[in-house]
Amino acid sequence: MTKLKLSVAQETFLVTLLSQHQDFVLECGWGDAELHLLRTIYDNGYYENWQKELLNSLYEDSKTAGIIL
């Protein structure tokens, strides 16, 4: 498995989701396990290749919802 370092933009995005918009993650169809995974990704500063779909999906949904510009 390939470990990918979080960019500054990805770290900022995760902080925004985890501190202000946890309900949004659940509304997008992800569950508590994914919230825990997002916290782990943020704490470790990297994600693995297979977790990229989760991050990309949440990022696109956040743009559509206006959470991030």
PDB file of N, CA and C in Angstrom:
ATOM      1  N   MET A   1       0.833  -1.179   0.000  1.00  0.00           N
ATOM      2  CA  MET A   1       0.000   0.000   0.000  1.00  0.00           C
ATOM      3  C   MET A   1       0.883   1.251   0.000  1.00  0.00           C
ATOM      4  N   THR A   2       0.455   2.209  -0.772  1.00  0.00           N
ATOM      5  CA  THR A   2       1.213   3.446  -0.905  1.00  0.00           C
ATOM      6  C   THR A   2       0.687   4.482   0.075  1.00  0.00           C
ATOM      7  N   LYS A   3       1.589   5.051   0.868  1.00  0.00           N
ATOM      8  CA  LYS A   3       1.219   6.120   1.790  1.00  0.00           C
ATOM      9  C   LYS A   3       1.429   7.453   1.086  1.00  0.00           C
ATOM     10  N   LEU A   4       0.402   8.300   1.105  1.00  0.00           N
ATOM     11  CA  LEU A   4       0.451   9.603   0.461  1.00  0.00           C
ATOM     12  C   LEU A   4       0.352  10.683   1.520  1.00  0.00           C
ATOM     13  N   LYS A   5       1.284  11.613   1.500  1.00  0.00           N
ATOM     14  CA  LYS A   5       1.314  12.689   2.490  1.00  0.00           C
ATOM     15  C   LYS A   5       0.188  13.676   2.208  1.00  0.00           C
ATOM     16  N   LEU A   6      -0.466  14.118   3.274  1.00  0.00           N
ATOM     17  CA  LEU A   6      -1.516  15.127   3.127  1.00  0.00           C
ATOM     18  C   LEU A   6      -0.904  16.463   2.719  1.00  0.00           C
ATOM     19  N   SER A   7      -1.558  17.134   1.799  1.00  0.00           N
ATOM     20  CA  SER A   7      -1.138  18.492   1.442  1.00  0.00           C
ATOM     21  C   SER A   7      -1.711  19.448   2.483  1.00  0.00           C
ATOM     22  N   VAL A   8      -1.246  20.672   2.462  1.00  0.00           N
ATOM     23  CA  VAL A   8      -1.778  21.687   3.378  1.00  0.00           C
ATOM     24  C   VAL A   8      -3.269  21.879   3.125  1.00  0.00           C
ATOM     25  N   ALA A   9      -3.673  21.893   1.858  1.00  0.00           N
ATOM     26  CA  ALA A   9      -5.093  22.047   1.521  1.00  0.00           C
ATOM     27  C   ALA A   9      -5.922  20.879   2.066  1.00  0.00           C
ATOM     28  N   GLN A  10      -5.393  19.665   1.975  1.00  0.00           N
ATOM     29  CA  GLN A  10      -6.117  18.502   2.492  1.00  0.00           C
ATOM     30  C   GLN A  10      -6.212  18.558   4.016  1.00  0.00           C
ATOM     31  N   GLU A  11      -5.153  18.980   4.675  1.00  0.00           N
ATOM     32  CA  GLU A  11      -5.200  19.123   6.135  1.00  0.00           C
ATOM     33  C   GLU A  11      -6.248  20.146   6.535  1.00  0.00           C
ATOM     34  N   THR A  12      -6.274  21.276   5.848  1.00  0.00           N
ATOM     35  CA  THR A  12      -7.261  22.321   6.131  1.00  0.00           C
ATOM     36  C   THR A  12      -8.674  21.798   5.911  1.00  0.00           C
ATOM     37  N   PHE A  13      -8.858  21.055   4.841  1.00  0.00           N
ATOM     38  CA  PHE A  13     -10.154  20.458   4.530  1.00  0.00           C
ATOM     39  C   PHE A  13     -10.592  19.514   5.645  1.00  0.00           C
ATOM     40  N   LEU A  14      -9.697  18.658   6.103  1.00  0.00           N
ATOM     41  CA  LEU A  14     -10.041  17.717   7.170  1.00  0.00           C
ATOM     42  C   LEU A  14     -10.363  18.441   8.474  1.00  0.00           C
ATOM     43  N   VAL A  15      -9.607  19.478   8.796  1.00  0.00           N
ATOM     44  CA  VAL A  15      -9.901  20.262  10.004  1.00  0.00           C
ATOM     45  C   VAL A  15     -11.305  20.839   9.911  1.00  0.00           C
ATOM     46  N   THR A  16     -11.648  21.378   8.750  1.00  0.00           N
ATOM     47  CA  THR A  16     -12.975  21.957   8.551  1.00  0.00           C
ATOM     48  C   THR A  16     -14.057  20.909   8.736  1.00  0.00           C
ATOM     49  N   LEU A  17     -13.876  19.744   8.125  1.00  0.00           N
ATOM     50  CA  LEU A  17     -14.878  18.685   8.264  1.00  0.00           C
ATOM     51  C   LEU A  17     -14.990  18.190   9.699  1.00  0.00           C
ATOM     52  N   LEU A  18     -13.855  17.920  10.315  1.00  0.00           N
ATOM     53  CA  LEU A  18     -13.863  17.303  11.639  1.00  0.00           C
ATOM     54  C   LEU A  18     -14.282  18.264  12.739  1.00  0.00           C
ATOM     55  N   SER A  19     -14.006  19.543  12.583  1.00  0.00           N
ATOM     56  CA  SER A  19     -14.327  20.480  13.654  1.00  0.00           C
ATOM     57  C   SER A  19     -15.690  21.145  13.476  1.00  0.00           C
ATOM     58  N   GLN A  20     -16.156  21.276  12.245  1.00  0.00           N
ATOM     59  CA  GLN A  20     -17.378  22.050  12.022  1.00  0.00           C
ATOM     60  C   GLN A  20     -18.480  21.297  11.280  1.00  0.00           C
ATOM     61  N   HIS A  21     -18.127  20.235  10.566  1.00  0.00           N
ATOM     62  CA  HIS A  21     -19.113  19.625   9.675  1.00  0.00           C
ATOM     63  C   HIS A  21     -19.145  18.097   9.755  1.00  0.00           C
ATOM     64  N   GLN A  22     -19.061  17.553  10.950  1.00  0.00           N
ATOM     65  CA  GLN A  22     -19.120  16.092  11.075  1.00  0.00           C
ATOM     66  C   GLN A  22     -20.453  15.549  10.581  1.00  0.00           C
ATOM     67  N   ASP A  23     -21.531  16.290  10.823  1.00  0.00           N
ATOM     68  CA  ASP A  23     -22.846  15.845  10.358  1.00  0.00           C
ATOM     69  C   ASP A  23     -22.892  15.754   8.838  1.00  0.00           C
ATOM     70  N   PHE A  24     -22.156  16.641   8.159  1.00  0.00           N
ATOM     71  CA  PHE A  24     -22.123  16.621   6.704  1.00  0.00           C
ATOM     72  C   PHE A  24     -21.571  15.296   6.194  1.00  0.00           C
ATOM     73  N   VAL A  25     -20.549  14.775   6.853  1.00  0.00           N
ATOM     74  CA  VAL A  25     -19.970  13.493   6.460  1.00  0.00           C
ATOM     75  C   VAL A  25     -21.038  12.408   6.533  1.00  0.00           C
ATOM     76  N   LEU A  26     -21.823  12.424   7.587  1.00  0.00           N
ATOM     77  CA  LEU A  26     -22.891  11.434   7.748  1.00  0.00           C
ATOM     78  C   LEU A  26     -23.995  11.639   6.717  1.00  0.00           C
ATOM     79  N   GLU A  27     -24.310  12.886   6.412  1.00  0.00           N
ATOM     80  CA  GLU A  27     -25.334  13.190   5.413  1.00  0.00           C
ATOM     81  C   GLU A  27     -24.922  12.728   4.015  1.00  0.00           C
ATOM     82  N   CYS A  28     -23.624  12.638   3.774  1.00  0.00           N
ATOM     83  CA  CYS A  28     -23.111  12.184   2.473  1.00  0.00           C
ATOM     84  C   CYS A  28     -23.131  10.663   2.358  1.00  0.00           C
ATOM     85  N   GLY A  29     -23.613   9.986   3.371  1.00  0.00           N
ATOM     86  CA  GLY A  29     -23.730   8.539   3.311  1.00  0.00           C
ATOM     87  C   GLY A  29     -22.572   7.775   3.939  1.00  0.00           C
ATOM     88  N   TRP A  30     -21.637   8.492   4.531  1.00  0.00           N
ATOM     89  CA  TRP A  30     -20.534   7.846   5.227  1.00  0.00           C
ATOM     90  C   TRP A  30     -20.933   7.698   6.690  1.00  0.00           C
ATOM     91  N   GLY A  31     -20.312   6.796   7.398  1.00  0.00           N
ATOM     92  CA  GLY A  31     -20.696   6.521   8.774  1.00  0.00           C
ATOM     93  C   GLY A  31     -19.636   6.887   9.795  1.00  0.00           C
ATOM     94  N   ASP A  32     -19.859   6.407  11.013  1.00  0.00           N
ATOM     95  CA  ASP A  32     -18.926   6.668  12.111  1.00  0.00           C
ATOM     96  C   ASP A  32     -17.541   6.089  11.831  1.00  0.00           C
ATOM     97  N   ALA A  33     -17.494   4.957  11.149  1.00  0.00           N
ATOM     98  CA  ALA A  33     -16.197   4.349  10.828  1.00  0.00           C
ATOM     99  C   ALA A  33     -15.375   5.281   9.938  1.00  0.00           C
ATOM    100  N   GLU A  34     -16.034   5.931   8.988  1.00  0.00           N
ATOM    101  CA  GLU A  34     -15.332   6.856   8.104  1.00  0.00           C
ATOM    102  C   GLU A  34     -14.918   8.123   8.840  1.00  0.00           C
ATOM    103  N   LEU A  35     -15.733   8.580   9.783  1.00  0.00           N
ATOM    104  CA  LEU A  35     -15.332   9.726  10.608  1.00  0.00           C
ATOM    105  C   LEU A  35     -14.071   9.393  11.404  1.00  0.00           C
ATOM    106  N   HIS A  36     -14.040   8.205  11.959  1.00  0.00           N
ATOM    107  CA  HIS A  36     -12.862   7.760  12.689  1.00  0.00           C
ATOM    108  C   HIS A  36     -11.651   7.675  11.753  1.00  0.00           C
ATOM    109  N   LEU A  37     -11.877   7.165  10.553  1.00  0.00           N
ATOM    110  CA  LEU A  37     -10.808   7.063   9.564  1.00  0.00           C
ATOM    111  C   LEU A  37     -10.281   8.451   9.192  1.00  0.00           C
ATOM    112  N   LEU A  38     -11.174   9.424   9.015  1.00  0.00           N
ATOM    113  CA  LEU A  38     -10.740  10.791   8.701  1.00  0.00           C
ATOM    114  C   LEU A  38      -9.881  11.363   9.825  1.00  0.00           C
ATOM    115  N   ARG A  39     -10.269  11.105  11.068  1.00  0.00           N
ATOM    116  CA  ARG A  39      -9.490  11.570  12.216  1.00  0.00           C
ATOM    117  C   ARG A  39      -8.106  10.912  12.210  1.00  0.00           C
ATOM    118  N   THR A  40      -8.057   9.626  11.919  1.00  0.00           N
ATOM    119  CA  THR A  40      -6.780   8.910  11.863  1.00  0.00           C
ATOM    120  C   THR A  40      -5.899   9.460  10.745  1.00  0.00           C
ATOM    121  N   ILE A  41      -6.481   9.712   9.592  1.00  0.00           N
ATOM    122  CA  ILE A  41      -5.733  10.286   8.471  1.00  0.00           C
ATOM    123  C   ILE A  41      -5.148  11.629   8.881  1.00  0.00           C
ATOM    124  N   TYR A  42      -5.969  12.467   9.497  1.00  0.00           N
ATOM    125  CA  TYR A  42      -5.495  13.786   9.915  1.00  0.00           C
ATOM    126  C   TYR A  42      -4.378  13.658  10.962  1.00  0.00           C
ATOM    127  N   ASP A  43      -4.591  12.821  11.955  1.00  0.00           N
ATOM    128  CA  ASP A  43      -3.595  12.650  13.024  1.00  0.00           C
ATOM    129  C   ASP A  43      -2.263  12.123  12.501  1.00  0.00           C
ATOM    130  N   ASN A  44      -2.310  11.209  11.528  1.00  0.00           N
ATOM    131  CA  ASN A  44      -1.084  10.617  10.988  1.00  0.00           C
ATOM    132  C   ASN A  44      -0.415  11.500   9.942  1.00  0.00           C
ATOM    133  N   GLY A  45      -1.185  12.371   9.296  1.00  0.00           N
ATOM    134  CA  GLY A  45      -0.625  13.244   8.272  1.00  0.00           C
ATOM    135  C   GLY A  45      -0.455  12.582   6.916  1.00  0.00           C
ATOM    136  N   TYR A  46      -1.032  11.408   6.755  1.00  0.00           N
ATOM    137  CA  TYR A  46      -0.971  10.724   5.462  1.00  0.00           C
ATOM    138  C   TYR A  46      -2.203   9.841   5.305  1.00  0.00           C
ATOM    139  N   TYR A  47      -2.438   9.435   4.077  1.00  0.00           N
ATOM    140  CA  TYR A  47      -3.510   8.496   3.795  1.00  0.00           C
ATOM    141  C   TYR A  47      -2.964   7.447   2.835  1.00  0.00           C
ATOM    142  N   GLU A  48      -3.654   6.359   2.742  1.00  0.00           N
ATOM    143  CA  GLU A  48      -3.227   5.294   1.856  1.00  0.00           C
ATOM    144  C   GLU A  48      -4.033   5.368   0.566  1.00  0.00           C
ATOM    145  N   ASN A  49      -3.488   4.820  -0.469  1.00  0.00           N
ATOM    146  CA  ASN A  49      -4.069   4.912  -1.797  1.00  0.00           C
ATOM    147  C   ASN A  49      -5.552   4.520  -1.814  1.00  0.00           C
ATOM    148  N   TRP A  50      -5.916   3.493  -1.076  1.00  0.00           N
ATOM    149  CA  TRP A  50      -7.298   3.015  -1.088  1.00  0.00           C
ATOM    150  C   TRP A  50      -8.257   3.985  -0.390  1.00  0.00           C
ATOM    151  N   GLN A  51      -7.746   4.959   0.380  1.00  0.00           N
ATOM    152  CA  GLN A  51      -8.593   5.927   1.079  1.00  0.00           C
ATOM    153  C   GLN A  51      -8.865   7.177   0.231  1.00  0.00           C
ATOM    154  N   LYS A  52      -8.244   7.237  -0.929  1.00  0.00           N
ATOM    155  CA  LYS A  52      -8.365   8.411  -1.791  1.00  0.00           C
ATOM    156  C   LYS A  52      -9.814   8.640  -2.251  1.00  0.00           C
ATOM    157  N   GLU A  53     -10.552   7.571  -2.504  1.00  0.00           N
ATOM    158  CA  GLU A  53     -11.949   7.699  -2.939  1.00  0.00           C
ATOM    159  C   GLU A  53     -12.780   8.439  -1.890  1.00  0.00           C
ATOM    160  N   LEU A  54     -12.596   8.100  -0.625  1.00  0.00           N
ATOM    161  CA  LEU A  54     -13.310   8.770   0.458  1.00  0.00           C
ATOM    162  C   LEU A  54     -13.001  10.261   0.462  1.00  0.00           C
ATOM    163  N   LEU A  55     -11.735  10.602   0.415  1.00  0.00           N
ATOM    164  CA  LEU A  55     -11.343  12.017   0.438  1.00  0.00           C
ATOM    165  C   LEU A  55     -11.856  12.765  -0.780  1.00  0.00           C
ATOM    166  N   ASN A  56     -11.721  12.176  -1.957  1.00  0.00           N
ATOM    167  CA  ASN A  56     -12.184  12.837  -3.175  1.00  0.00           C
ATOM    168  C   ASN A  56     -13.696  13.029  -3.170  1.00  0.00           C
ATOM    169  N   SER A  57     -14.425  12.020  -2.745  1.00  0.00           N
ATOM    170  CA  SER A  57     -15.885  12.101  -2.700  1.00  0.00           C
ATOM    171  C   SER A  57     -16.334  13.206  -1.743  1.00  0.00           C
ATOM    172  N   LEU A  58     -15.757  13.236  -0.551  1.00  0.00           N
ATOM    173  CA  LEU A  58     -16.131  14.265   0.419  1.00  0.00           C
ATOM    174  C   LEU A  58     -15.745  15.655  -0.067  1.00  0.00           C
ATOM    175  N   TYR A  59     -14.606  15.765  -0.727  1.00  0.00           N
ATOM    176  CA  TYR A  59     -14.163  17.055  -1.248  1.00  0.00           C
ATOM    177  C   TYR A  59     -15.142  17.574  -2.310  1.00  0.00           C
ATOM    178  N   GLU A  60     -15.522  16.722  -3.236  1.00  0.00           N
ATOM    179  CA  GLU A  60     -16.461  17.133  -4.289  1.00  0.00           C
ATOM    180  C   GLU A  60     -17.826  17.483  -3.704  1.00  0.00           C
ATOM    181  N   ASP A  61     -18.311  16.680  -2.760  1.00  0.00           N
ATOM    182  CA  ASP A  61     -19.591  16.963  -2.111  1.00  0.00           C
ATOM    183  C   ASP A  61     -19.527  18.274  -1.331  1.00  0.00           C
ATOM    184  N   SER A  62     -18.394  18.564  -0.713  1.00  0.00           N
ATOM    185  CA  SER A  62     -18.217  19.799   0.050  1.00  0.00           C
ATOM    186  C   SER A  62     -18.219  21.017  -0.866  1.00  0.00           C
ATOM    187  N   LYS A  63     -17.620  20.867  -2.031  1.00  0.00           N
ATOM    188  CA  LYS A  63     -17.642  21.971  -2.998  1.00  0.00           C
ATOM    189  C   LYS A  63     -19.073  22.236  -3.457  1.00  0.00           C
ATOM    190  N   THR A  64     -19.808  21.184  -3.752  1.00  0.00           N
ATOM    191  CA  THR A  64     -21.195  21.314  -4.199  1.00  0.00           C
ATOM    192  C   THR A  64     -22.051  21.968  -3.108  1.00  0.00           C
ATOM    193  N   ALA A  65     -21.816  21.600  -1.864  1.00  0.00           N
ATOM    194  CA  ALA A  65     -22.606  22.135  -0.738  1.00  0.00           C
ATOM    195  C   ALA A  65     -22.168  23.530  -0.319  1.00  0.00           C
ATOM    196  N   GLY A  66     -21.036  24.005  -0.852  1.00  0.00           N
ATOM    197  CA  GLY A  66     -20.555  25.324  -0.491  1.00  0.00           C
ATOM    198  C   GLY A  66     -19.787  25.391   0.824  1.00  0.00           C
ATOM    199  N   ILE A  67     -19.392  24.245   1.333  1.00  0.00           N
ATOM    200  CA  ILE A  67     -18.612  24.224   2.575  1.00  0.00           C
ATOM    201  C   ILE A  67     -17.214  24.736   2.321  1.00  0.00           C
ATOM    202  N   ILE A  68     -16.676  24.362   1.176  1.00  0.00           N
ATOM    203  CA  ILE A  68     -15.369  24.890   0.772  1.00  0.00           C
ATOM    204  C   ILE A  68     -15.517  25.552  -0.592  1.00  0.00           C
ATOM    205  N   LEU A  69     -14.676  26.503  -0.847  1.00  0.00           N
ATOM    206  CA  LEU A  69     -14.774  27.220  -2.117  1.00  0.00           C
ATOM    207  C   LEU A  69     -13.657  26.813  -3.039  1.00  0.00           C
TER     208      LEU A  69
END
